[in-house]
Amino acid sequence: MTRRPTTLQDVARLAGVSVSTASRALNDSPAINRQTKQRIWKLAREQNYPFRDYMPAGPIGAEATIAVVVPRPQGRDFMLSDPFFLDLFSGLAEAARERDCDLLVSHVAPASYEDLSVLMSTSRADGVIFLGQSTLHGAFNRLAEEESRFVVWGAQLPDQNYCSIGSDNIAGAARATGHLARLGRKRIMFLGDIGDPEPAQRHAGYLEALAKSGLTPDPALSVPAHFEVESAEAAIDTLMQKGVAFDGIVAASDLIALGAIRALRRAGVMTPRDVSVVGFDNVRFARYATPALSTVAQDTSKAGRLLVSKLLDAGGGRIRSRSERLPTDLIVRESCGG
């Protein structure tokens, strides 16, 4: 027996509200409070109510709508203009276009499980791609118990129950560190905030390569820096004021590497003559820096295709996709010195 389609009246009856209230909630009316909207959207999804009838019609009918959400890093702001995320978003946009999908960037910046739950239960999108885990690994695991319409760009972590796509951070940083060691650098610094999952994995690769090269790690050379030029400049300035010696830098991102080079230049320290520097990301302007920046490349085009396909090909949310790690490539330019 064929089940009849769910109507707006059905949703209203199940929610215990009037038809007009259900309609306003589904249209995201500011007259309806967040808790009521969340409850009605959840019921509507469970009953396979046709959401897209309530969405504004675009000039061309899309196969699906994907929301892109950037979680808020702990204790600091995140700029959507970060060059790596612009490259990654470009990869997502091209992949979505190939699948005839609309891609939208959400204003929401979740910082807790409650934020994630509200976002997923009230989103009009067919699925959500989160760019970064921040400190939300546990929250994503909890969310995966009730939702599978999302995928995360980020590190693969122990006991992970959700699908993530990310680069092989450990191998990439190990290769960069090993290259500097083969150039004869003995005091190699890691510059990055290991409180975040991906820099933590890059730091692990750095330590692995030091051990293989017979170099003893110095805790003074593991230096925190956020994904910002100014943060890296401040970190290098402080280190040099303390008189800590170093002859190589493995940075957790290209922005951090460029900030380090700026600070070194102001102090009269030349790259790569005095200090070799390697970044991570291979953002588009890295090759045009002075000196041209050596870096670990991440394949943002392939990442975009995988993120979109994992989200759309998961059997309508009934199947949780497998996480995948993408290989990285060391791009040697002038900032290494060899």
Foldseek 3Di string as FASTA:
>chain_A
DDDDADDLCNLCVVLVHDSVLLLCLLLVHPVDDLVSSLVSLQSCVVRVHPSCVNPDDDPDDAPFEEEEEEAAAPPDGDDCVQLLNVLLVVLQVVLRVVRRYHYYYDPDHDDALVSVSSCVSNDSGLAYEYEFCRPCQVSVQVVLVPFQLYEYADDDDPPGDAAYEYAQLLQLLLVVLLVLVVVVWQFEAEEEALSGPSSVSSVNSNVVNCVVSVHDDDPLRHWYAYLALVRLLVRLVVSVVVVDDGAEYEYAALRSQVSVQVNCVVVVHDFNVRHAYEGEDPRPCQCVDVQRHWYKHDDSNVVSNVRVCQNPVQVSRPHRDHYDHHYIDTGDTRRRPD
